[in-house]
Protein backbone atom coordinates (compact mmCIF):
# COMPACT_ATOMS: atom_id res chain seq x y z
CA UNK A 1 15.15 297.85 49.27
CA UNK A 2 13.87 300.47 51.92
CA UNK A 3 15.79 303.05 49.94
CA UNK A 4 14.15 302.39 46.59
CA UNK A 5 11.60 305.29 47.24
CA UNK A 6 14.19 307.81 47.63
CA UNK A 7 15.94 306.52 44.38
CA UNK A 8 12.54 306.78 42.48
CA UNK A 9 11.78 310.32 44.03
CA UNK A 10 15.00 311.27 42.53
CA UNK A 11 14.17 309.90 39.05
CA UNK A 12 10.79 311.71 39.21
CA UNK A 13 12.14 315.15 40.00
CA UNK A 14 12.76 316.01 36.47
CA UNK A 15 10.58 313.78 34.65
CA UNK A 16 11.18 314.91 31.19
CA UNK A 17 14.77 314.89 31.38
CA UNK A 18 14.69 311.35 32.84
CA UNK A 19 12.28 310.35 30.17
CA UNK A 20 14.59 311.52 27.35
CA UNK A 21 17.56 310.11 28.87
CA UNK A 22 15.96 306.45 29.29
CA UNK A 23 14.53 306.85 25.70
CA UNK A 24 17.91 307.72 24.30
CA UNK A 25 19.56 304.58 26.26
CA UNK A 26 16.42 302.35 25.13
CA UNK A 27 17.45 303.25 21.33
CA UNK A 28 20.99 302.67 21.77
CA UNK A 29 20.50 299.25 23.21
CA UNK A 30 17.90 298.24 20.57
CA UNK A 31 20.66 299.18 18.05
CA UNK A 32 23.05 297.14 19.90
CA UNK A 33 20.93 294.04 19.79
CA UNK A 34 19.88 294.44 16.09
CA UNK A 35 23.73 294.79 15.23
CA UNK A 36 24.32 291.63 17.27
CA UNK A 37 21.75 289.78 15.30
CA UNK A 38 23.11 291.13 12.07
CA UNK A 39 26.48 289.92 13.00
CA UNK A 40 25.35 286.49 13.65
CA UNK A 41 23.57 286.30 10.51
CA UNK A 42 26.66 287.34 8.32
CA UNK A 43 29.12 285.37 10.20
CA UNK A 44 26.91 282.47 11.71
CA UNK A 45 28.38 279.99 9.19
CA UNK A 46 31.66 280.40 11.03
CA UNK A 47 30.40 279.39 14.46
CA UNK A 48 28.40 276.57 13.13
CA UNK A 49 31.23 275.05 10.95
CA UNK A 50 32.45 271.73 11.99
CA UNK A 51 35.89 271.64 13.44
CA UNK A 52 36.62 268.22 11.76
CA UNK A 53 35.47 269.66 8.21
CA UNK A 54 37.55 270.86 5.50
CA UNK A 55 36.49 272.67 2.32
CA UNK A 56 38.54 271.99 -1.02
CA UNK A 57 38.01 274.47 -3.72
CA UNK A 58 39.75 275.75 -6.84
CA UNK A 59 42.99 277.42 -5.99
CA UNK A 60 42.39 280.45 -8.19
CA UNK A 61 38.48 281.11 -7.18
CA UNK A 62 35.51 279.70 -5.83
CA UNK A 63 33.58 280.36 -9.00
CA UNK A 64 36.07 278.03 -10.99
CA UNK A 65 35.04 274.18 -10.88
CA UNK A 66 36.89 271.05 -9.99
CA UNK A 67 36.33 267.47 -11.59
CA UNK A 68 34.14 265.26 -9.78
CA UNK A 69 36.54 262.64 -10.08
CA UNK A 70 38.56 264.29 -7.43
CA UNK A 71 36.32 262.62 -4.95
CA UNK A 72 37.91 259.32 -5.11
CA UNK A 73 41.50 260.75 -4.92
CA UNK A 74 40.54 262.75 -1.77
CA UNK A 75 38.93 259.85 -0.22
CA UNK A 76 42.16 258.16 -0.50
CA UNK A 77 44.02 260.67 1.23
CA UNK A 78 45.22 259.34 4.78
CA UNK A 79 43.00 260.74 7.73
CA UNK A 80 39.99 261.52 5.42
CA UNK A 81 36.87 259.85 6.73
CA UNK A 82 34.26 261.09 4.14
CA UNK A 83 33.92 263.24 1.30
CA UNK A 84 30.91 265.12 -0.56
CA UNK A 85 30.72 267.71 -3.13
CA UNK A 86 28.53 270.70 -3.94
CA UNK A 87 28.10 273.25 -6.66
CA UNK A 88 26.36 276.68 -6.86
CA UNK A 89 23.42 276.28 -9.03
CA UNK A 90 22.02 280.03 -8.75
CA UNK A 91 18.49 278.94 -9.40
CA UNK A 92 15.77 281.75 -9.53
CA UNK A 93 12.28 281.00 -8.50
CA UNK A 94 9.69 283.23 -10.21
CA UNK A 95 11.53 286.52 -9.55
CA UNK A 96 15.40 287.24 -9.15
CA UNK A 97 14.36 288.99 -5.90
CA UNK A 98 13.44 285.59 -4.38
CA UNK A 99 17.11 284.39 -3.57
CA UNK A 100 17.92 281.50 -1.53
CA UNK A 101 20.84 279.05 -1.97
CA UNK A 102 20.14 276.01 -4.11
CA UNK A 103 22.90 273.32 -4.78
CA UNK A 104 22.97 269.79 -6.21
CA UNK A 105 24.48 267.16 -3.76
CA UNK A 106 24.78 263.43 -3.53
CA UNK A 107 22.13 262.73 -0.95
CA UNK A 108 23.74 259.91 1.00
CA UNK A 109 27.03 261.50 1.23
CA UNK A 110 25.55 264.97 1.88
CA UNK A 111 23.45 263.88 4.69
CA UNK A 112 26.39 261.77 6.42
CA UNK A 113 28.42 264.98 6.16
CA UNK A 114 26.01 267.43 7.61
CA UNK A 115 24.24 265.87 10.56
CA UNK A 116 22.82 269.26 11.68
CA UNK A 117 20.29 268.92 8.77
CA UNK A 118 17.32 266.80 10.08
CA UNK A 119 14.93 264.89 8.06
CA UNK A 120 12.55 262.19 8.90
CA UNK A 121 13.51 258.53 7.77
CA UNK A 122 10.67 258.59 5.41
CA UNK A 123 11.80 261.98 3.87
CA UNK A 124 15.21 260.51 3.43
CA UNK A 125 13.89 257.45 1.62
CA UNK A 126 11.67 259.59 -0.54
CA UNK A 127 14.80 261.70 -1.58
CA UNK A 128 16.83 258.58 -2.36
CA UNK A 129 13.79 257.23 -4.45
CA UNK A 130 12.93 260.38 -6.35
CA UNK A 131 15.14 261.37 -9.07
CA UNK A 132 13.89 264.93 -9.41
CA UNK A 133 13.36 265.13 -5.62
CA UNK A 134 14.83 268.01 -3.45
CA UNK A 135 14.70 268.95 0.29
CA UNK A 136 14.37 272.45 1.58
CA UNK A 137 14.91 274.05 4.84
CA UNK A 138 12.24 275.15 7.00
CA UNK A 139 12.46 278.90 6.77
CA UNK A 140 12.50 278.76 2.79
CA UNK A 141 9.61 276.56 2.86
CA UNK A 142 7.68 278.85 5.43
CA UNK A 143 8.49 281.84 3.21
CA UNK A 144 7.23 280.68 -0.14
CA UNK A 145 4.41 278.48 1.66
CA UNK A 146 5.95 275.35 0.03
CA UNK A 147 4.88 271.88 1.26
CA UNK A 148 5.80 268.24 0.75
CA UNK A 149 4.78 267.15 -2.70
CA UNK A 150 5.02 270.74 -4.54
CA UNK A 151 6.73 270.98 -7.86
CA UNK A 152 9.21 273.95 -7.87
CA UNK A 153 10.39 275.52 -11.24
CA UNK A 154 13.62 277.10 -11.17
CA UNK A 155 15.67 279.00 -13.75
CA UNK A 156 19.47 278.95 -13.70
CA UNK A 157 21.33 281.75 -15.41
CA UNK A 158 24.54 279.91 -14.71
CA UNK A 159 23.67 276.50 -16.02
CA UNK A 160 21.07 277.47 -18.65
CA UNK A 161 18.36 275.06 -19.68
CA UNK A 162 17.98 271.55 -18.64
CA UNK A 163 18.23 268.97 -21.69
CA UNK A 164 14.84 268.64 -23.40
CA UNK A 165 13.07 271.10 -20.89
CA UNK A 166 12.56 274.91 -20.70
CA UNK A 167 13.28 275.18 -17.03
CA UNK A 168 14.46 273.12 -14.18
CA UNK A 169 11.58 271.33 -12.19
CA UNK A 170 11.99 270.01 -8.61
CA UNK A 171 9.59 267.97 -6.24
CA UNK A 172 9.75 268.75 -2.55
CA UNK A 173 10.12 265.26 -0.82
CA UNK A 174 11.49 266.76 2.46
CA UNK A 175 11.74 269.81 4.67
CA UNK A 176 14.69 269.85 7.07
CA UNK A 177 14.82 271.42 10.38
CA UNK A 178 18.14 272.47 12.21
CA UNK A 179 19.55 270.26 14.96
CA UNK A 180 20.88 273.43 16.60
CA UNK A 181 19.76 276.92 17.07
CA UNK A 182 21.49 279.03 14.31
CA UNK A 183 21.69 276.23 11.65
CA UNK A 184 20.83 277.70 8.27
CA UNK A 185 17.50 276.49 7.21
CA UNK A 186 17.24 278.64 4.09
CA UNK A 187 18.83 276.21 1.50
CA UNK A 188 17.56 273.92 -1.16
CA UNK A 189 19.43 270.71 -2.07
CA UNK A 190 18.57 268.26 -5.11
CA UNK A 191 20.23 265.31 -6.53
CA UNK A 192 23.50 265.56 -8.31
CA UNK A 193 22.67 262.58 -10.68
CA UNK A 194 19.68 264.31 -12.04
CA UNK A 195 21.55 267.69 -12.30
CA UNK A 196 24.77 265.96 -14.14
CA UNK A 197 22.21 264.18 -16.57
CA UNK A 198 20.24 267.15 -17.35
CA UNK A 199 22.90 270.01 -17.75
CA UNK A 200 24.51 270.85 -21.14
CA UNK A 201 27.83 272.30 -19.95
CA UNK A 202 30.75 271.50 -17.89
CA UNK A 203 29.75 267.84 -17.46
CA UNK A 204 31.56 266.10 -14.57
CA UNK A 205 32.60 269.15 -12.90
CA UNK A 206 31.79 270.46 -9.33
CA UNK A 207 32.00 273.56 -7.27
CA UNK A 208 33.78 272.40 -3.99
CA UNK A 209 34.23 269.32 -1.93
CA UNK A 210 33.52 269.02 1.84
CA UNK A 211 35.99 266.61 3.73
CA UNK A 212 35.48 265.08 7.15
CA UNK A 213 38.69 264.26 8.84
CA UNK A 214 39.25 261.56 11.57
CA UNK A 215 41.37 264.04 13.60
CA UNK A 216 40.66 267.69 13.89
CA UNK A 217 44.23 268.25 15.22
CA UNK A 218 45.59 266.84 11.87
CA UNK A 219 43.69 269.30 9.74
CA UNK A 220 46.85 271.37 8.52
CA UNK A 221 48.56 268.30 7.61
CA UNK A 222 45.74 266.65 5.72
CA UNK A 223 44.97 270.01 3.88
CA UNK A 224 48.75 270.27 2.74
CA UNK A 225 48.47 266.60 1.65
CA UNK A 226 45.20 266.98 -0.53
CA UNK A 227 46.75 270.32 -2.10
CA UNK A 228 49.95 268.38 -2.71
CA UNK A 229 48.41 265.74 -4.64
CA UNK A 230 46.86 268.09 -7.05
CA UNK A 231 49.74 270.47 -7.35
CA UNK A 232 50.94 271.28 -11.10
CA UNK A 233 47.67 269.97 -12.30
CA UNK A 234 45.16 271.75 -14.36
CA UNK A 235 42.87 272.05 -11.46
CA UNK A 236 45.07 273.02 -8.39
CA UNK A 237 43.21 273.07 -5.06
CA UNK A 238 43.10 275.19 -2.02
CA UNK A 239 42.00 273.45 1.14
CA UNK A 240 40.83 275.16 4.32
CA UNK A 241 38.83 274.55 7.40
CA UNK A 242 35.12 275.10 6.85
CA UNK A 243 35.18 278.09 9.49
CA UNK A 244 37.82 279.96 7.35
CA UNK A 245 35.84 279.33 4.42
CA UNK A 246 32.67 280.69 5.92
CA UNK A 247 34.52 283.56 7.13
CA UNK A 248 35.82 284.17 3.68
CA UNK A 249 32.24 284.65 2.66
CA UNK A 250 31.42 287.01 5.72
CA UNK A 251 34.32 289.17 4.91
CA UNK A 252 33.25 289.76 1.30
CA UNK A 253 30.99 292.35 2.89
CA UNK A 254 33.65 293.59 5.24
CA UNK A 255 35.06 293.02 8.77
CA UNK A 256 31.68 292.59 10.52
CA UNK A 257 32.83 292.52 13.93
CA UNK A 258 35.02 295.57 13.72
CA UNK A 259 32.05 297.57 12.03
CA UNK A 260 29.88 296.62 14.78
CA UNK A 261 32.40 297.35 17.50
CA UNK A 262 33.02 300.97 15.81
CA UNK A 263 29.34 301.52 15.75
CA UNK A 264 28.68 300.40 19.30
CA UNK A 265 31.41 302.35 20.62
CA UNK A 266 30.35 305.67 19.01
CA UNK A 267 26.74 305.09 20.17
CA UNK A 268 27.79 304.35 23.86
CA UNK A 269 30.37 307.16 24.22
CA UNK A 270 27.60 309.41 23.32
CA UNK A 271 25.09 307.92 25.49
CA UNK A 272 27.67 307.86 28.42
CA UNK A 273 27.95 311.68 28.04
CA UNK A 274 24.11 312.04 27.96
CA UNK A 275 23.58 309.90 31.19
CA UNK A 276 26.56 311.51 32.76
CA UNK A 277 25.36 314.93 32.21
CA UNK A 278 21.88 314.04 33.52
CA UNK A 279 23.19 312.62 36.92
CA UNK A 280 25.69 315.70 37.32
CA UNK A 281 22.91 318.03 36.87
CA UNK A 282 20.38 315.78 39.30
CA UNK A 283 23.08 315.91 41.89
CA UNK A 284 23.63 319.66 41.62
CA UNK A 285 20.04 320.55 41.77
CA UNK A 286 19.63 318.41 45.02
CA UNK A 287 22.67 319.65 46.77
CA UNK A 288 20.45 320.80 49.83
CA UNK A 289 18.55 317.71 49.85
CA UNK A 290 21.80 315.41 50.03
CA UNK A 291 22.97 317.71 52.79
CA UNK A 292 19.87 317.13 54.91
CA UNK A 293 20.22 313.36 54.34
CA UNK A 294 23.71 313.59 55.69
CA UNK A 295 22.55 315.83 58.65
CA UNK A 296 19.85 313.21 59.63
CA UNK A 297 22.62 310.59 59.87
CA UNK A 298 23.00 309.07 56.25
CA UNK A 299 26.70 308.09 56.02
CA UNK A 300 28.87 309.46 53.00
CA UNK A 301 28.88 305.71 51.56
CA UNK A 302 25.16 305.37 51.73
CA UNK A 303 24.83 308.76 49.77
CA UNK A 304 27.13 307.41 47.13
CA UNK A 305 25.24 304.23 46.77
CA UNK A 306 21.97 306.18 46.51
CA UNK A 307 23.23 308.20 43.58
CA UNK A 308 24.76 305.16 41.99
CA UNK A 309 21.55 303.33 42.13
CA UNK A 310 19.70 306.24 40.48
CA UNK A 311 22.00 306.19 37.60
CA UNK A 312 21.91 302.38 37.41
CA UNK A 313 18.14 302.52 37.35
CA UNK A 314 18.05 304.90 34.46
CA UNK A 315 20.53 302.89 32.47
CA UNK A 316 18.94 299.58 33.12
CA UNK A 317 15.27 300.83 32.47
CA UNK A 318 16.61 302.04 29.03
CA UNK A 319 19.11 299.04 28.38
CA UNK A 320 16.91 296.17 29.59
CA UNK A 321 13.78 297.62 27.87
CA UNK A 322 15.69 298.20 24.68
CA UNK A 323 17.23 294.59 24.56
CA UNK A 324 13.80 293.11 25.46
CA UNK A 325 11.90 294.91 22.65
CA UNK A 326 14.62 293.92 20.05
CA UNK A 327 14.49 290.38 21.29
CA UNK A 328 10.68 290.19 20.67
CA UNK A 329 11.15 291.71 17.36
CA UNK A 330 13.91 289.53 16.33
CA UNK A 331 11.95 286.51 17.58
CA UNK A 332 9.14 287.06 15.56
CA UNK A 333 10.68 286.46 12.29
CA UNK A 334 13.39 287.16 9.62
CA UNK A 335 12.63 290.48 7.95
CA UNK A 336 14.64 289.94 4.91
CA UNK A 337 15.39 286.21 4.37
CA UNK A 338 16.67 286.65 1.14
CA UNK A 339 19.64 288.47 2.51
CA UNK A 340 19.98 287.09 5.99
CA UNK A 341 19.78 283.20 6.15
CA UNK A 342 19.69 283.28 9.93
CA UNK A 343 18.24 286.02 12.02
CA UNK A 344 18.67 285.42 15.67
CA UNK A 345 19.60 287.21 18.74
CA UNK A 346 22.40 285.28 20.38
CA UNK A 347 22.51 284.68 23.96
CA UNK A 348 25.89 286.03 24.20
CA UNK A 349 24.69 289.44 22.87
CA UNK A 350 21.67 289.68 25.43
CA UNK A 351 24.25 289.00 28.31
CA UNK A 352 26.76 291.42 26.99
CA UNK A 353 23.89 294.13 26.51
CA UNK A 354 22.80 293.49 30.27
CA UNK A 355 26.36 293.75 31.30
CA UNK A 356 26.73 296.98 29.36
CA UNK A 357 23.55 298.33 30.85
CA UNK A 358 24.87 298.12 34.38
CA UNK A 359 28.26 299.34 33.37
CA UNK A 360 26.84 302.13 31.89
CA UNK A 361 24.97 303.09 34.92
CA UNK A 362 27.94 302.71 37.11
CA UNK A 363 30.40 304.72 34.85
CA UNK A 364 27.81 307.39 34.21
CA UNK A 365 27.11 307.78 37.88
CA UNK A 366 30.47 307.32 39.54
CA UNK A 367 31.68 310.89 39.38
CA UNK A 368 28.36 312.76 40.47
CA UNK A 369 28.14 309.82 43.32
CA UNK A 370 31.71 310.53 44.52
CA UNK A 371 30.83 314.38 44.41
CA UNK A 372 27.85 313.74 46.47
CA UNK A 373 29.81 311.65 48.89
CA UNK A 374 32.35 314.21 49.46
CA UNK A 375 29.71 317.01 50.09
CA UNK A 376 30.13 318.78 53.35
CA UNK A 377 26.87 319.24 55.26
CA UNK A 378 27.43 322.91 56.02
CA UNK A 379 28.54 323.58 52.30
CA UNK A 380 25.41 321.77 50.95
CA UNK A 381 23.00 323.51 53.21
CA UNK A 382 24.63 326.89 52.40
CA UNK A 383 24.31 326.22 48.54
CA UNK A 384 20.68 325.16 48.98
CA UNK A 385 19.79 328.36 50.97
């Protein structure tokens, strides 16, 4: 700690250059944090997927439906503990820009399948007792200022008008929260029996099935058995782990992990050059000062450590500052809930960013620090003179 004034003096030697370098690193680490949050938003369903859950969908495409009667046949497969189904409703609230996922489900089976969606007992009972009842996630409820008891009209370009009505209307009877950080609370669920009674097309058809299995180690065998049971039927199936199903959605946009890594690598290579150049110039300008330090008793190793500390201070000031500000902005709320159902900065991204900041300081400073350590006293004083 007693040598920190020396490090601070070195940083203040060229204030403008140091400030610009810190700002460059600051912006780079803000970008890193936002990319981490974006990756989590687009692939968060993969990490939140249950290891004991499988998805059964139409073999050709997710947009093609399956008979609801498959529920009993899937339930009869050995190793299957529970089954529920969902269908994409595609409801629009007031304006097409107000996007949020909305689906009809069987309440009892759905809540048993997804314990990460948390409702009070009173809300559960209200949903079971209200035919047009619906539950909505906290983020969507906050977004539209909805509260329990509100009646929400939706239009569905997919399913058209309900029988005898101009649009679909639901009563909010519950607002669910997530049991774990990162749970998607943007969705809207309503009762399948009401949907089945009111729709005027594709009666008895559903979008996909979610299956809970007793032993996750038997997932591949159970999936093959389910698909085998429906082979050569008019509605053949494809069964896959829930994580793979979620990954398929994310990869429709692209390989998010590779995109993030490519952007981060390009940015950090550029910042490494900037920080390294700053430190090389700083050491070159202070050749005489380093010679004086060695002349009054500073060891070669201590000079190396001082230069590395200076480099790490620059990197950590910018890096930790950028990560901190990004964390505050991300924690303040989701800027585009219609596109990003979950918008959080995962702890692993913060830790990785902190490690990268330290690593950047070491890598950028190691060459100039090595040069300073090898500097001879007479040569340093002669250059300075």
